[in-house]
Amino acid sequence: MADKKYDVVVVGLQCIDIVCTPVAHNVMDGETTVVDSARLMLGGDAQNQAITLASLGARVALMGVAGNDRLGDVLLNQLSAFPIDILTRREDVNTSISLVLVEDKGDRHFVYQPQSNQALSYRHIDEDAVRNAAFLSVGGCLTLPGLDGEGMLRLLDLARKAGTRTALDFNVTDYMLDRATLKALLSRTDYALPSEVEARALTGEGKDPAEMVRRLRALGATNCIIKLGGKGCYVAADGYEGIVPPCPCRCLDTTGAGDTFVAAFLYARTRGWDILRCARFANAAGSIAVEHAGANGGIRSAAQVEARMA
């Protein structure tokens, strides 16, 4: 790792979140809903990963797109408070924004305007940064229409040629790549890290994580870690396979917990830890994340996460 400038370069979703909590499930039934808290925060899978990685002490760079608008100013200004190399570009589009409605038990629902994230394409990639990273992580794969497909394959090929390991964190919504392209993408990926819901969407398997992994491998994946939320994670990577149990916690808000998990896993992997310790560290980070309102900010240091592991 010492010969690389970055531990992790993160590419993908960046947005402004407006987090409202608590919000009743039947919020649309009334004209006005009063909440205890409504806060403007940074969000988006890639941005959440980068903030968590920086807080853990990793050397990190972030690539995405922000709009040439007032919200873009806010996003980049707030992001500059973190020790992150900001490689985000600006375009004449609206900055992506997400209204996050959090129920009293921590479940969340999104109202999302995706414009700047839809604008992200291969021309926004800093190839030198990818070459100079131990890991490339894509945050929000399958929700980046300007990059998914041929652009993503080109990005993964760039990383492979440079000896940069790759990780894909999915965000499956209403469209899917064709099977041939999905197989090509997964076969170029060192670590696939879908949530249980995303793994189900990718494979069609409804319940069994082991069967999800079998089907992901049939699609070309090698190492798979399936995030199971409050049930921990299922690891099928680097010679280990099985459930890694969760850390006990009090769930306030699940927003960004999966992104925190991925960031913590990659941080641990860049430290050369064995796969089981990496998964335990990631579970511990996720348990801290859900005790904190918002998509990031709960993680302050690696020592904090290691204390939770103990």
Protein backbone atom coordinates (compact mmCIF):
# COMPACT_ATOMS: atom_id res chain seq x y z
CA MET A 1 0.00 0.00 0.00
CA ALA A 2 2.92 2.35 0.67
CA ASP A 3 3.60 2.93 -3.04
CA LYS A 4 0.06 4.22 -3.61
CA LYS A 5 -1.06 7.79 -2.90
CA TYR A 6 -4.55 6.75 -1.73
CA ASP A 7 -5.89 3.90 0.32
CA VAL A 8 -9.27 4.23 -1.41
CA VAL A 9 -10.64 6.28 -4.29
CA VAL A 10 -14.43 6.42 -4.16
CA VAL A 11 -16.58 7.12 -7.23
CA GLY A 12 -20.34 7.58 -7.38
CA LEU A 13 -23.34 9.10 -5.66
CA GLN A 14 -23.08 12.48 -3.96
CA CYS A 15 -26.03 14.53 -2.78
CA ILE A 16 -27.48 16.82 -0.17
CA ASP A 17 -29.74 15.08 2.35
CA ILE A 18 -32.54 16.76 4.27
CA VAL A 19 -33.12 14.33 7.13
CA CYS A 20 -36.49 14.55 8.90
CA THR A 21 -37.17 12.51 12.04
CA PRO A 22 -39.38 11.02 13.29
CA VAL A 23 -41.95 10.73 10.50
CA ALA A 24 -45.02 8.48 10.72
CA HIS A 25 -45.53 5.84 8.05
CA ASN A 26 -48.84 7.47 7.03
CA VAL A 27 -47.25 10.89 6.51
CA MET A 28 -49.14 11.46 3.25
CA ASP A 29 -52.51 11.17 5.00
CA GLY A 30 -52.24 14.61 6.60
CA GLU A 31 -51.61 18.09 5.29
CA THR A 32 -48.87 19.02 7.78
CA THR A 33 -46.44 16.83 9.72
CA VAL A 34 -44.38 18.24 12.60
CA VAL A 35 -41.00 16.55 13.20
CA ASP A 36 -38.49 16.83 16.03
CA SER A 37 -35.56 17.42 13.69
CA ALA A 38 -34.96 18.48 10.07
CA ARG A 39 -31.30 18.85 9.14
CA LEU A 40 -29.37 19.52 5.95
CA MET A 41 -26.50 17.04 5.69
CA LEU A 42 -24.19 15.43 3.17
CA GLY A 43 -25.33 12.12 1.70
CA GLY A 44 -25.02 9.70 -1.20
CA ASP A 45 -23.30 6.31 -1.16
CA ALA A 46 -19.89 7.44 -2.40
CA GLN A 47 -19.81 10.59 -0.29
CA ASN A 48 -20.82 8.64 2.83
CA GLN A 49 -18.05 6.13 2.20
CA ALA A 50 -15.44 8.84 1.70
CA ILE A 51 -16.40 10.70 4.89
CA THR A 52 -16.30 7.50 6.93
CA LEU A 53 -12.97 6.43 5.43
CA ALA A 54 -11.44 9.82 6.21
CA SER A 55 -12.77 9.67 9.77
CA LEU A 56 -11.15 6.25 10.20
CA GLY A 57 -7.82 7.67 9.07
CA ALA A 58 -7.63 6.46 5.47
CA ARG A 59 -6.11 8.45 2.63
CA VAL A 60 -9.12 9.00 0.39
CA ALA A 61 -10.22 10.81 -2.76
CA LEU A 62 -13.81 11.31 -3.97
CA MET A 63 -15.09 11.61 -7.54
CA GLY A 64 -18.61 12.55 -8.52
CA VAL A 65 -20.63 15.43 -9.93
CA ALA A 66 -22.17 18.45 -8.21
CA GLY A 67 -24.31 21.07 -9.90
CA ASN A 68 -23.32 24.63 -10.69
CA ASP A 69 -25.96 25.85 -8.26
CA ARG A 70 -26.30 27.00 -4.67
CA LEU A 71 -26.68 23.46 -3.35
CA GLY A 72 -23.48 22.51 -5.16
CA ASP A 73 -21.74 25.33 -3.28
CA VAL A 74 -23.12 23.98 -0.01
CA LEU A 75 -22.07 20.41 -0.81
CA LEU A 76 -18.48 21.28 -1.69
CA ASN A 77 -18.16 23.71 1.21
CA GLN A 78 -19.29 21.13 3.75
CA LEU A 79 -17.18 18.42 2.16
CA SER A 80 -14.07 20.59 2.44
CA ALA A 81 -14.22 20.19 6.23
CA PHE A 82 -13.00 16.59 5.85
CA PRO A 83 -9.47 15.39 4.98
CA ILE A 84 -10.58 14.20 1.54
CA ASP A 85 -9.05 14.99 -1.85
CA ILE A 86 -12.11 16.37 -3.62
CA LEU A 87 -12.01 15.39 -7.29
CA THR A 88 -15.72 16.09 -7.78
CA ARG A 89 -16.53 18.02 -10.96
CA ARG A 90 -19.30 20.57 -11.51
CA GLU A 91 -21.83 20.56 -14.32
CA ASP A 92 -24.74 22.81 -15.34
CA VAL A 93 -27.34 20.57 -13.73
CA ASN A 94 -29.17 20.60 -10.42
CA THR A 95 -27.26 19.13 -7.50
CA SER A 96 -28.84 15.86 -6.40
CA ILE A 97 -30.94 16.15 -3.27
CA SER A 98 -32.68 13.55 -1.15
CA LEU A 99 -35.46 14.10 1.38
CA VAL A 100 -34.93 11.37 4.00
CA LEU A 101 -37.99 10.50 6.08
CA VAL A 102 -36.99 8.47 9.14
CA GLU A 103 -39.59 6.52 11.12
CA ASP A 104 -39.37 6.23 14.90
CA LYS A 105 -37.84 2.72 14.68
CA GLY A 106 -35.10 3.85 12.30
CA ASP A 107 -36.50 2.70 8.93
CA ARG A 108 -36.13 5.38 6.28
CA HIS A 109 -37.76 6.41 3.02
CA PHE A 110 -36.30 8.64 0.32
CA VAL A 111 -37.68 11.30 -2.02
CA TYR A 112 -34.83 11.70 -4.47
CA GLN A 113 -33.93 14.15 -7.25
CA PRO A 114 -30.95 12.56 -9.08
CA GLN A 115 -29.82 15.05 -11.74
CA SER A 116 -26.13 15.60 -10.95
CA ASN A 117 -25.61 11.91 -10.19
CA GLN A 118 -27.14 11.03 -13.55
CA ALA A 119 -24.56 13.31 -15.19
CA LEU A 120 -21.57 11.35 -13.86
CA SER A 121 -19.73 9.63 -16.71
CA TYR A 122 -16.30 8.28 -17.53
CA ARG A 123 -15.09 11.74 -18.60
CA HIS A 124 -15.30 12.77 -14.92
CA ILE A 125 -12.86 10.02 -13.88
CA ASP A 126 -9.38 11.07 -12.76
CA GLU A 127 -7.44 8.14 -14.17
CA ASP A 128 -4.22 9.01 -12.32
CA ALA A 129 -6.04 8.91 -8.99
CA VAL A 130 -7.45 5.45 -9.79
CA ARG A 131 -3.99 4.20 -10.73
CA ASN A 132 -2.60 5.56 -7.47
CA ALA A 133 -5.08 3.88 -5.12
CA ALA A 134 -4.95 0.57 -3.27
CA PHE A 135 -8.73 0.27 -3.74
CA LEU A 136 -11.34 1.72 -6.09
CA SER A 137 -14.83 1.67 -4.58
CA VAL A 138 -17.97 2.48 -6.55
CA GLY A 139 -20.78 3.76 -4.36
CA GLY A 140 -24.18 3.42 -5.99
CA CYS A 141 -23.47 0.99 -8.81
CA LEU A 142 -26.59 0.48 -10.97
CA THR A 143 -27.93 3.97 -10.18
CA LEU A 144 -25.35 5.78 -12.32
CA PRO A 145 -26.81 5.66 -15.83
CA GLY A 146 -24.06 7.81 -17.31
CA LEU A 147 -21.33 5.50 -15.99
CA ASP A 148 -22.91 2.05 -15.58
CA GLY A 149 -22.31 -0.30 -18.47
CA GLU A 150 -19.38 0.39 -20.81
CA GLY A 151 -18.06 3.27 -18.70
CA MET A 152 -18.01 1.12 -15.57
CA LEU A 153 -16.25 -1.72 -17.40
CA ARG A 154 -13.66 0.73 -18.67
CA LEU A 155 -13.16 2.05 -15.12
CA LEU A 156 -12.73 -1.45 -13.67
CA ASP A 157 -10.30 -2.38 -16.45
CA LEU A 158 -8.27 0.76 -15.69
CA ALA A 159 -8.07 -0.26 -12.04
CA ARG A 160 -7.14 -3.87 -12.81
CA LYS A 161 -4.34 -2.83 -15.17
CA ALA A 162 -2.93 -0.55 -12.44
CA GLY A 163 -3.08 -3.20 -9.71
CA THR A 164 -5.87 -1.31 -7.91
CA ARG A 165 -8.33 -3.66 -6.22
CA THR A 166 -12.03 -2.97 -6.76
CA ALA A 167 -15.22 -2.99 -4.70
CA LEU A 168 -18.80 -2.47 -5.84
CA ASP A 169 -21.50 -1.22 -3.47
CA PHE A 170 -24.83 -1.50 -5.25
CA ASN A 171 -27.96 0.60 -5.08
CA VAL A 172 -30.57 -1.29 -7.06
CA THR A 173 -33.69 0.68 -8.03
CA ASP A 174 -35.82 0.42 -11.13
CA TYR A 175 -33.41 -0.68 -13.83
CA MET A 176 -30.86 -3.41 -14.31
CA LEU A 177 -27.99 -3.99 -16.68
CA ASP A 178 -28.42 -6.77 -19.20
CA ARG A 179 -27.13 -10.12 -17.96
CA ALA A 180 -24.03 -10.14 -20.18
CA THR A 181 -22.91 -6.69 -18.99
CA LEU A 182 -23.65 -7.56 -15.35
CA LYS A 183 -21.51 -10.71 -15.67
CA ALA A 184 -18.70 -8.69 -17.25
CA LEU A 185 -18.90 -6.16 -14.42
CA LEU A 186 -18.91 -8.72 -11.60
CA SER A 187 -16.07 -10.70 -13.15
CA ARG A 188 -13.90 -7.55 -12.97
CA THR A 189 -14.72 -6.92 -9.30
CA ASP A 190 -12.61 -8.08 -6.36
CA TYR A 191 -15.35 -7.55 -3.75
CA ALA A 192 -19.09 -7.35 -4.40
CA LEU A 193 -20.89 -5.86 -1.37
CA PRO A 194 -24.66 -5.82 -1.94
CA SER A 195 -27.26 -5.53 0.79
CA GLU A 196 -29.64 -8.45 1.26
CA VAL A 197 -32.29 -6.56 -0.73
CA GLU A 198 -29.82 -5.78 -3.52
CA ALA A 199 -28.51 -9.36 -3.64
CA ARG A 200 -32.11 -10.55 -3.96
CA ALA A 201 -32.68 -8.16 -6.86
CA LEU A 202 -29.47 -9.22 -8.59
CA THR A 203 -30.00 -12.96 -8.19
CA GLY A 204 -33.75 -13.55 -7.80
CA GLU A 205 -33.05 -15.54 -4.61
CA GLY A 206 -35.39 -14.51 -1.82
CA LYS A 207 -34.07 -15.88 1.46
CA ASP A 208 -30.81 -17.80 1.66
CA PRO A 209 -27.56 -15.76 1.61
CA ALA A 210 -25.54 -18.85 0.69
CA GLU A 211 -27.72 -19.35 -2.38
CA MET A 212 -27.43 -15.63 -3.21
CA VAL A 213 -23.65 -16.02 -3.16
CA ARG A 214 -23.83 -19.13 -5.35
CA ARG A 215 -25.85 -17.20 -7.92
CA LEU A 216 -23.60 -14.12 -7.72
CA ARG A 217 -20.62 -16.36 -8.40
CA ALA A 218 -22.46 -17.88 -11.34
CA LEU A 219 -22.73 -14.29 -12.61
CA GLY A 220 -18.95 -13.88 -12.34
CA ALA A 221 -18.41 -12.57 -8.80
CA THR A 222 -15.44 -13.87 -6.79
CA ASN A 223 -15.58 -12.44 -3.27
CA CYS A 224 -19.04 -11.56 -1.91
CA ILE A 225 -20.08 -9.88 1.32
CA ILE A 226 -23.85 -9.56 1.78
CA LYS A 227 -24.99 -6.92 4.29
CA LEU A 228 -27.81 -8.34 6.41
CA GLY A 229 -28.61 -5.28 8.53
CA GLY A 230 -29.49 -6.27 12.08
CA LYS A 231 -28.47 -9.87 11.32
CA GLY A 232 -24.82 -8.98 10.61
CA CYS A 233 -23.32 -10.03 7.28
CA TYR A 234 -22.70 -13.12 5.19
CA VAL A 235 -19.10 -13.41 4.06
CA ALA A 236 -17.97 -15.59 1.16
CA ALA A 237 -14.51 -14.21 0.50
CA ASP A 238 -10.81 -15.02 0.77
CA GLY A 239 -11.39 -18.61 1.84
CA TYR A 240 -14.03 -17.95 4.52
CA GLU A 241 -17.78 -18.50 4.23
CA GLY A 242 -20.45 -17.96 6.83
CA ILE A 243 -22.50 -15.53 8.90
CA VAL A 244 -20.62 -12.92 10.93
CA PRO A 245 -22.99 -11.83 13.73
CA PRO A 246 -23.88 -8.19 14.41
CA CYS A 247 -22.83 -5.98 17.30
CA PRO A 248 -25.68 -5.09 19.70
CA CYS A 249 -26.95 -1.54 19.24
CA ARG A 250 -29.92 0.78 19.62
CA CYS A 251 -31.22 1.63 16.15
CA LEU A 252 -32.11 5.29 15.62
CA ASP A 253 -31.61 5.74 11.86
CA THR A 254 -30.44 3.15 9.30
CA THR A 255 -29.58 5.79 6.67
CA GLY A 256 -26.04 5.25 5.39
CA ALA A 257 -25.35 2.19 7.55
CA GLY A 258 -24.49 0.07 4.51
CA ASP A 259 -22.12 2.76 3.20
CA THR A 260 -20.44 2.89 6.62
CA PHE A 261 -20.07 -0.90 6.55
CA VAL A 262 -18.39 -0.81 3.13
CA ALA A 263 -16.03 2.01 4.14
CA ALA A 264 -15.02 0.22 7.34
CA PHE A 265 -14.50 -3.06 5.48
CA LEU A 266 -12.22 -1.38 2.94
CA TYR A 267 -10.31 0.49 5.64
CA ALA A 268 -9.69 -2.83 7.41
CA ARG A 269 -8.73 -4.56 4.15
CA THR A 270 -6.13 -1.88 3.35
CA ARG A 271 -4.60 -2.59 6.79
CA GLY A 272 -4.02 -6.20 5.75
CA TRP A 273 -6.39 -7.71 8.32
CA ASP A 274 -7.84 -11.16 7.75
CA ILE A 275 -11.32 -11.35 6.26
CA LEU A 276 -13.11 -12.26 9.50
CA ARG A 277 -11.61 -9.32 11.37
CA CYS A 278 -12.53 -7.03 8.47
CA ALA A 279 -16.15 -8.20 8.61
CA ARG A 280 -16.33 -7.82 12.39
CA PHE A 281 -14.89 -4.30 12.13
CA ALA A 282 -17.44 -3.43 9.42
CA ASN A 283 -20.33 -4.80 11.51
CA ALA A 284 -19.15 -2.75 14.48
CA ALA A 285 -18.99 0.41 12.37
CA GLY A 286 -22.49 -0.24 11.04
CA SER A 287 -23.81 -0.65 14.57
CA ILE A 288 -22.40 2.75 15.50
CA ALA A 289 -23.85 4.33 12.35
CA VAL A 290 -27.45 3.33 13.13
CA GLU A 291 -27.21 4.98 16.56
CA HIS A 292 -26.57 8.32 14.83
CA ALA A 293 -29.06 10.40 12.83
CA GLY A 294 -28.03 10.96 9.23
CA ALA A 295 -26.08 9.11 6.58
CA ASN A 296 -22.61 9.74 8.03
CA GLY A 297 -20.87 11.38 10.95
CA GLY A 298 -21.30 8.68 13.57
CA ILE A 299 -17.80 7.31 13.02
CA ARG A 300 -15.09 9.44 14.62
CA SER A 301 -12.05 7.13 14.64
CA ALA A 302 -10.83 3.57 14.11
CA ALA A 303 -10.27 3.29 17.87
CA GLN A 304 -13.98 3.97 18.46
CA VAL A 305 -14.93 1.09 16.14
CA GLU A 306 -12.37 -1.29 17.64
CA ALA A 307 -13.75 -0.52 21.09
CA ARG A 308 -17.22 -1.52 19.85
CA MET A 309 -15.77 -4.78 18.48
CA ALA A 310 -14.48 -5.63 21.94
